[in-house]
Amino acid sequence: MKDTEPTATSLTVHLLDRDYQVNCPPDKREALLAAAAYLDQRFCELRSSKSKLFGMEKLAITVALNLAHEVLTLRREASPAEPLPVARVLDLTAAVEDALQEQEDATK
């Protein structure tokens, strides 16, 4: 018997006062919503500290670099007996980046 993955469904995530449509398997919905909420919090914190003159692209790159640094730091600190789900974090980050790119492409 062949393993089948759940069909992806459209999900709306809210980032920096905008809604983005992303496709997500039903079993990963809650994790993606949690990741989007965390990412939105980080965006808002950085935007507040740098003023609204901070462009969206620079803001996204800065937050992505900060998150990548956090993941790598946590990876180094994790014991081999308790590996972090780094692949999962990277998958969620990629999904959010894809959503941002889709939204940017749609507004052009």
N, C-alpha and C. Protein backbone atom coordinates (compact mmCIF):
# COMPACT_ATOMS: atom_id res chain seq x y z
N MET A 1 0.83 -1.18 0.00
CA MET A 1 0.00 0.00 0.00
C MET A 1 0.88 1.25 0.00
N LYS A 2 0.50 2.22 -0.75
CA LYS A 2 1.28 3.45 -0.90
C LYS A 2 0.89 4.46 0.17
N ASP A 3 1.90 5.09 0.80
CA ASP A 3 1.63 6.15 1.77
C ASP A 3 1.19 7.39 1.02
N THR A 4 0.17 8.03 1.53
CA THR A 4 -0.28 9.28 0.91
C THR A 4 -0.21 10.38 1.95
N GLU A 5 0.17 11.57 1.48
CA GLU A 5 0.24 12.72 2.36
C GLU A 5 -1.11 13.41 2.36
N PRO A 6 -1.48 14.03 3.47
CA PRO A 6 -2.74 14.77 3.50
C PRO A 6 -2.71 15.89 2.47
N THR A 7 -3.86 16.15 1.86
CA THR A 7 -3.97 17.21 0.88
C THR A 7 -3.81 18.57 1.55
N ALA A 8 -2.99 19.40 0.93
CA ALA A 8 -2.77 20.74 1.47
C ALA A 8 -4.03 21.57 1.29
N THR A 9 -4.29 22.41 2.27
CA THR A 9 -5.42 23.33 2.19
C THR A 9 -4.88 24.75 2.34
N SER A 10 -5.67 25.68 1.86
CA SER A 10 -5.27 27.07 1.95
C SER A 10 -5.47 27.57 3.38
N LEU A 11 -4.51 28.35 3.84
CA LEU A 11 -4.53 28.88 5.19
C LEU A 11 -4.11 30.34 5.13
N THR A 12 -4.75 31.19 5.89
CA THR A 12 -4.39 32.60 5.93
C THR A 12 -3.55 32.86 7.17
N VAL A 13 -2.37 33.47 6.95
CA VAL A 13 -1.53 33.89 8.07
C VAL A 13 -1.44 35.41 8.03
N HIS A 14 -1.32 36.00 9.19
CA HIS A 14 -1.30 37.46 9.33
C HIS A 14 0.10 37.90 9.75
N LEU A 15 0.75 38.69 8.88
CA LEU A 15 2.09 39.18 9.16
C LEU A 15 2.15 40.67 8.85
N LEU A 16 2.59 41.45 9.79
CA LEU A 16 2.75 42.89 9.61
C LEU A 16 1.50 43.54 9.02
N ASP A 17 0.38 43.29 9.66
CA ASP A 17 -0.89 43.91 9.29
C ASP A 17 -1.38 43.51 7.90
N ARG A 18 -0.88 42.41 7.37
CA ARG A 18 -1.33 41.92 6.07
C ARG A 18 -1.62 40.44 6.17
N ASP A 19 -2.55 39.98 5.34
CA ASP A 19 -2.88 38.56 5.28
C ASP A 19 -2.21 37.92 4.08
N TYR A 20 -1.72 36.71 4.29
CA TYR A 20 -1.06 35.94 3.23
C TYR A 20 -1.70 34.56 3.17
N GLN A 21 -1.96 34.10 1.96
CA GLN A 21 -2.50 32.76 1.75
C GLN A 21 -1.35 31.80 1.52
N VAL A 22 -1.33 30.71 2.26
CA VAL A 22 -0.31 29.68 2.08
C VAL A 22 -1.01 28.33 2.06
N ASN A 23 -0.39 27.38 1.38
CA ASN A 23 -0.90 26.02 1.38
C ASN A 23 -0.23 25.26 2.50
N CYS A 24 -1.02 24.44 3.18
CA CYS A 24 -0.51 23.74 4.35
C CYS A 24 -1.28 22.44 4.54
N PRO A 25 -0.57 21.32 4.79
CA PRO A 25 -1.27 20.09 5.12
C PRO A 25 -2.06 20.28 6.42
N PRO A 26 -3.23 19.68 6.53
CA PRO A 26 -4.05 19.87 7.72
C PRO A 26 -3.34 19.53 9.03
N ASP A 27 -2.47 18.53 9.02
CA ASP A 27 -1.80 18.13 10.26
C ASP A 27 -0.69 19.09 10.68
N LYS A 28 -0.34 20.04 9.82
CA LYS A 28 0.70 21.01 10.15
C LYS A 28 0.13 22.41 10.35
N ARG A 29 -1.18 22.53 10.31
CA ARG A 29 -1.86 23.82 10.40
C ARG A 29 -1.52 24.58 11.68
N GLU A 30 -1.66 23.93 12.82
CA GLU A 30 -1.41 24.60 14.10
C GLU A 30 0.04 25.04 14.23
N ALA A 31 0.96 24.21 13.77
CA ALA A 31 2.38 24.57 13.85
C ALA A 31 2.68 25.76 12.96
N LEU A 32 2.08 25.81 11.77
CA LEU A 32 2.31 26.95 10.88
C LEU A 32 1.70 28.22 11.46
N LEU A 33 0.53 28.13 12.05
CA LEU A 33 -0.08 29.30 12.68
C LEU A 33 0.78 29.81 13.84
N ALA A 34 1.32 28.89 14.61
CA ALA A 34 2.20 29.28 15.73
C ALA A 34 3.47 29.95 15.19
N ALA A 35 4.03 29.39 14.12
CA ALA A 35 5.24 29.97 13.53
C ALA A 35 4.94 31.36 12.97
N ALA A 36 3.79 31.52 12.33
CA ALA A 36 3.41 32.82 11.77
C ALA A 36 3.20 33.85 12.88
N ALA A 37 2.59 33.44 13.98
CA ALA A 37 2.39 34.36 15.11
C ALA A 37 3.73 34.79 15.69
N TYR A 38 4.64 33.85 15.82
CA TYR A 38 5.97 34.17 16.33
C TYR A 38 6.70 35.11 15.37
N LEU A 39 6.62 34.81 14.09
CA LEU A 39 7.27 35.64 13.09
C LEU A 39 6.68 37.05 13.07
N ASP A 40 5.37 37.15 13.16
CA ASP A 40 4.72 38.46 13.20
C ASP A 40 5.18 39.26 14.41
N GLN A 41 5.29 38.59 15.54
CA GLN A 41 5.79 39.25 16.76
C GLN A 41 7.19 39.79 16.54
N ARG A 42 8.05 38.99 15.93
CA ARG A 42 9.43 39.42 15.67
C ARG A 42 9.46 40.59 14.69
N PHE A 43 8.64 40.51 13.63
CA PHE A 43 8.55 41.63 12.68
C PHE A 43 8.13 42.91 13.39
N CYS A 44 7.09 42.81 14.20
CA CYS A 44 6.57 44.00 14.88
C CYS A 44 7.59 44.59 15.86
N GLU A 45 8.29 43.73 16.58
CA GLU A 45 9.32 44.20 17.50
C GLU A 45 10.41 44.96 16.75
N LEU A 46 10.88 44.40 15.66
CA LEU A 46 11.95 45.04 14.91
C LEU A 46 11.46 46.33 14.25
N ARG A 47 10.26 46.29 13.70
CA ARG A 47 9.72 47.48 13.05
C ARG A 47 9.56 48.61 14.07
N SER A 48 9.13 48.29 15.28
CA SER A 48 8.97 49.30 16.33
C SER A 48 10.30 49.91 16.73
N SER A 49 11.32 49.08 16.79
CA SER A 49 12.62 49.58 17.21
C SER A 49 13.35 50.35 16.10
N LYS A 50 12.99 50.11 14.87
CA LYS A 50 13.69 50.74 13.75
C LYS A 50 12.84 51.76 13.01
N SER A 51 11.66 52.02 13.47
CA SER A 51 10.70 52.94 12.88
C SER A 51 10.07 52.33 11.64
N LYS A 52 9.01 52.94 11.17
CA LYS A 52 8.29 52.43 10.02
C LYS A 52 9.02 52.69 8.71
N LEU A 53 10.14 53.38 8.76
CA LEU A 53 10.90 53.65 7.54
C LEU A 53 11.69 52.43 7.10
N PHE A 54 11.74 51.40 7.93
CA PHE A 54 12.45 50.16 7.62
C PHE A 54 11.66 49.45 6.52
N GLY A 55 12.24 49.27 5.33
CA GLY A 55 11.55 48.63 4.22
C GLY A 55 11.21 47.18 4.50
N MET A 56 10.16 46.69 3.86
CA MET A 56 9.70 45.31 4.08
C MET A 56 10.79 44.29 3.77
N GLU A 57 11.50 44.48 2.67
CA GLU A 57 12.54 43.52 2.31
C GLU A 57 13.65 43.49 3.35
N LYS A 58 14.11 44.65 3.77
CA LYS A 58 15.18 44.71 4.78
C LYS A 58 14.68 44.14 6.11
N LEU A 59 13.44 44.44 6.45
CA LEU A 59 12.85 43.91 7.67
C LEU A 59 12.81 42.38 7.62
N ALA A 60 12.34 41.82 6.51
CA ALA A 60 12.25 40.37 6.36
C ALA A 60 13.62 39.72 6.43
N ILE A 61 14.60 40.31 5.77
CA ILE A 61 15.96 39.76 5.79
C ILE A 61 16.55 39.81 7.18
N THR A 62 16.35 40.92 7.88
CA THR A 62 16.89 41.06 9.23
C THR A 62 16.27 40.04 10.18
N VAL A 63 14.95 39.88 10.11
CA VAL A 63 14.28 38.90 10.96
C VAL A 63 14.74 37.49 10.60
N ALA A 64 14.85 37.19 9.30
CA ALA A 64 15.31 35.86 8.88
C ALA A 64 16.71 35.57 9.40
N LEU A 65 17.59 36.55 9.31
CA LEU A 65 18.95 36.35 9.84
C LEU A 65 18.94 36.13 11.35
N ASN A 66 18.14 36.90 12.06
CA ASN A 66 18.04 36.72 13.51
C ASN A 66 17.51 35.34 13.86
N LEU A 67 16.48 34.88 13.14
CA LEU A 67 15.92 33.56 13.41
C LEU A 67 16.91 32.45 13.07
N ALA A 68 17.63 32.60 11.95
CA ALA A 68 18.64 31.61 11.58
C ALA A 68 19.73 31.54 12.66
N HIS A 69 20.12 32.69 13.17
CA HIS A 69 21.11 32.73 14.25
C HIS A 69 20.59 31.99 15.48
N GLU A 70 19.34 32.23 15.84
CA GLU A 70 18.75 31.54 16.99
C GLU A 70 18.75 30.03 16.79
N VAL A 71 18.34 29.58 15.59
CA VAL A 71 18.28 28.15 15.31
C VAL A 71 19.67 27.53 15.40
N LEU A 72 20.66 28.18 14.81
CA LEU A 72 22.02 27.65 14.85
C LEU A 72 22.58 27.63 16.26
N THR A 73 22.28 28.66 17.04
CA THR A 73 22.72 28.69 18.43
C THR A 73 22.08 27.55 19.22
N LEU A 74 20.79 27.37 19.05
CA LEU A 74 20.10 26.28 19.74
C LEU A 74 20.61 24.92 19.29
N ARG A 75 20.92 24.80 18.00
CA ARG A 75 21.45 23.54 17.48
C ARG A 75 22.79 23.21 18.14
N ARG A 76 23.65 24.23 18.28
CA ARG A 76 24.95 24.01 18.92
C ARG A 76 24.81 23.64 20.39
N GLU A 77 23.81 24.23 21.05
CA GLU A 77 23.64 24.00 22.49
C GLU A 77 22.89 22.71 22.80
N ALA A 78 22.18 22.15 21.83
CA ALA A 78 21.38 20.94 22.06
C ALA A 78 22.29 19.74 22.27
N SER A 79 21.89 18.90 23.19
CA SER A 79 22.67 17.68 23.40
C SER A 79 22.28 16.68 22.30
N PRO A 80 23.20 15.79 21.94
CA PRO A 80 22.90 14.80 20.91
C PRO A 80 21.72 13.91 21.27
N ALA A 81 21.48 13.73 22.56
CA ALA A 81 20.37 12.88 23.00
C ALA A 81 19.03 13.57 22.79
N GLU A 82 19.04 14.89 22.65
CA GLU A 82 17.80 15.65 22.48
C GLU A 82 17.92 16.59 21.29
N PRO A 83 17.93 16.05 20.07
CA PRO A 83 18.09 16.92 18.91
C PRO A 83 16.86 17.82 18.73
N LEU A 84 17.11 19.02 18.26
CA LEU A 84 16.02 19.96 17.98
C LEU A 84 15.39 19.63 16.64
N PRO A 85 14.13 19.94 16.50
CA PRO A 85 13.47 19.72 15.21
C PRO A 85 13.83 20.84 14.23
N VAL A 86 15.12 20.97 13.93
CA VAL A 86 15.61 22.06 13.09
C VAL A 86 14.98 21.98 11.70
N ALA A 87 14.86 20.78 11.17
CA ALA A 87 14.26 20.64 9.84
C ALA A 87 12.84 21.20 9.83
N ARG A 88 12.12 21.00 10.90
CA ARG A 88 10.75 21.50 11.00
C ARG A 88 10.74 23.03 11.00
N VAL A 89 11.63 23.62 11.78
CA VAL A 89 11.73 25.08 11.83
C VAL A 89 12.08 25.63 10.45
N LEU A 90 13.01 24.98 9.78
CA LEU A 90 13.41 25.44 8.46
C LEU A 90 12.28 25.28 7.45
N ASP A 91 11.50 24.20 7.56
CA ASP A 91 10.34 24.01 6.68
C ASP A 91 9.31 25.12 6.89
N LEU A 92 9.04 25.45 8.13
CA LEU A 92 8.07 26.51 8.42
C LEU A 92 8.58 27.86 7.96
N THR A 93 9.86 28.10 8.15
CA THR A 93 10.46 29.36 7.68
C THR A 93 10.33 29.45 6.16
N ALA A 94 10.59 28.37 5.47
CA ALA A 94 10.48 28.36 4.01
C ALA A 94 9.04 28.61 3.57
N ALA A 95 8.08 28.04 4.29
CA ALA A 95 6.67 28.26 3.95
C ALA A 95 6.29 29.73 4.09
N VAL A 96 6.75 30.36 5.15
CA VAL A 96 6.46 31.78 5.36
C VAL A 96 7.15 32.62 4.30
N GLU A 97 8.40 32.28 3.97
CA GLU A 97 9.11 33.02 2.93
C GLU A 97 8.40 32.89 1.59
N ASP A 98 7.90 31.69 1.28
CA ASP A 98 7.15 31.48 0.04
C ASP A 98 5.90 32.34 0.02
N ALA A 99 5.22 32.42 1.14
CA ALA A 99 4.00 33.22 1.22
C ALA A 99 4.31 34.70 1.00
N LEU A 100 5.39 35.17 1.59
CA LEU A 100 5.80 36.56 1.40
C LEU A 100 6.14 36.83 -0.06
N GLN A 101 6.83 35.89 -0.69
CA GLN A 101 7.20 36.05 -2.10
C GLN A 101 5.95 36.04 -2.98
N GLU A 102 5.00 35.14 -2.72
CA GLU A 102 3.76 35.09 -3.48
C GLU A 102 3.00 36.40 -3.37
N GLN A 103 2.94 36.93 -2.15
CA GLN A 103 2.24 38.19 -1.94
C GLN A 103 2.94 39.33 -2.67
N GLU A 104 4.27 39.33 -2.61
CA GLU A 104 5.04 40.38 -3.30
C GLU A 104 4.82 40.28 -4.81
N ASP A 105 4.84 39.05 -5.35
CA ASP A 105 4.62 38.85 -6.78
C ASP A 105 3.21 39.30 -7.19
N ALA A 106 2.23 39.07 -6.33
CA ALA A 106 0.84 39.41 -6.63
C ALA A 106 0.63 40.93 -6.63
N THR A 107 1.44 41.66 -5.88
CA THR A 107 1.27 43.12 -5.80
C THR A 107 2.03 43.86 -6.90
N LYS A 108 2.81 43.14 -7.68
CA LYS A 108 3.59 43.78 -8.76
C LYS A 108 2.75 44.00 -9.98
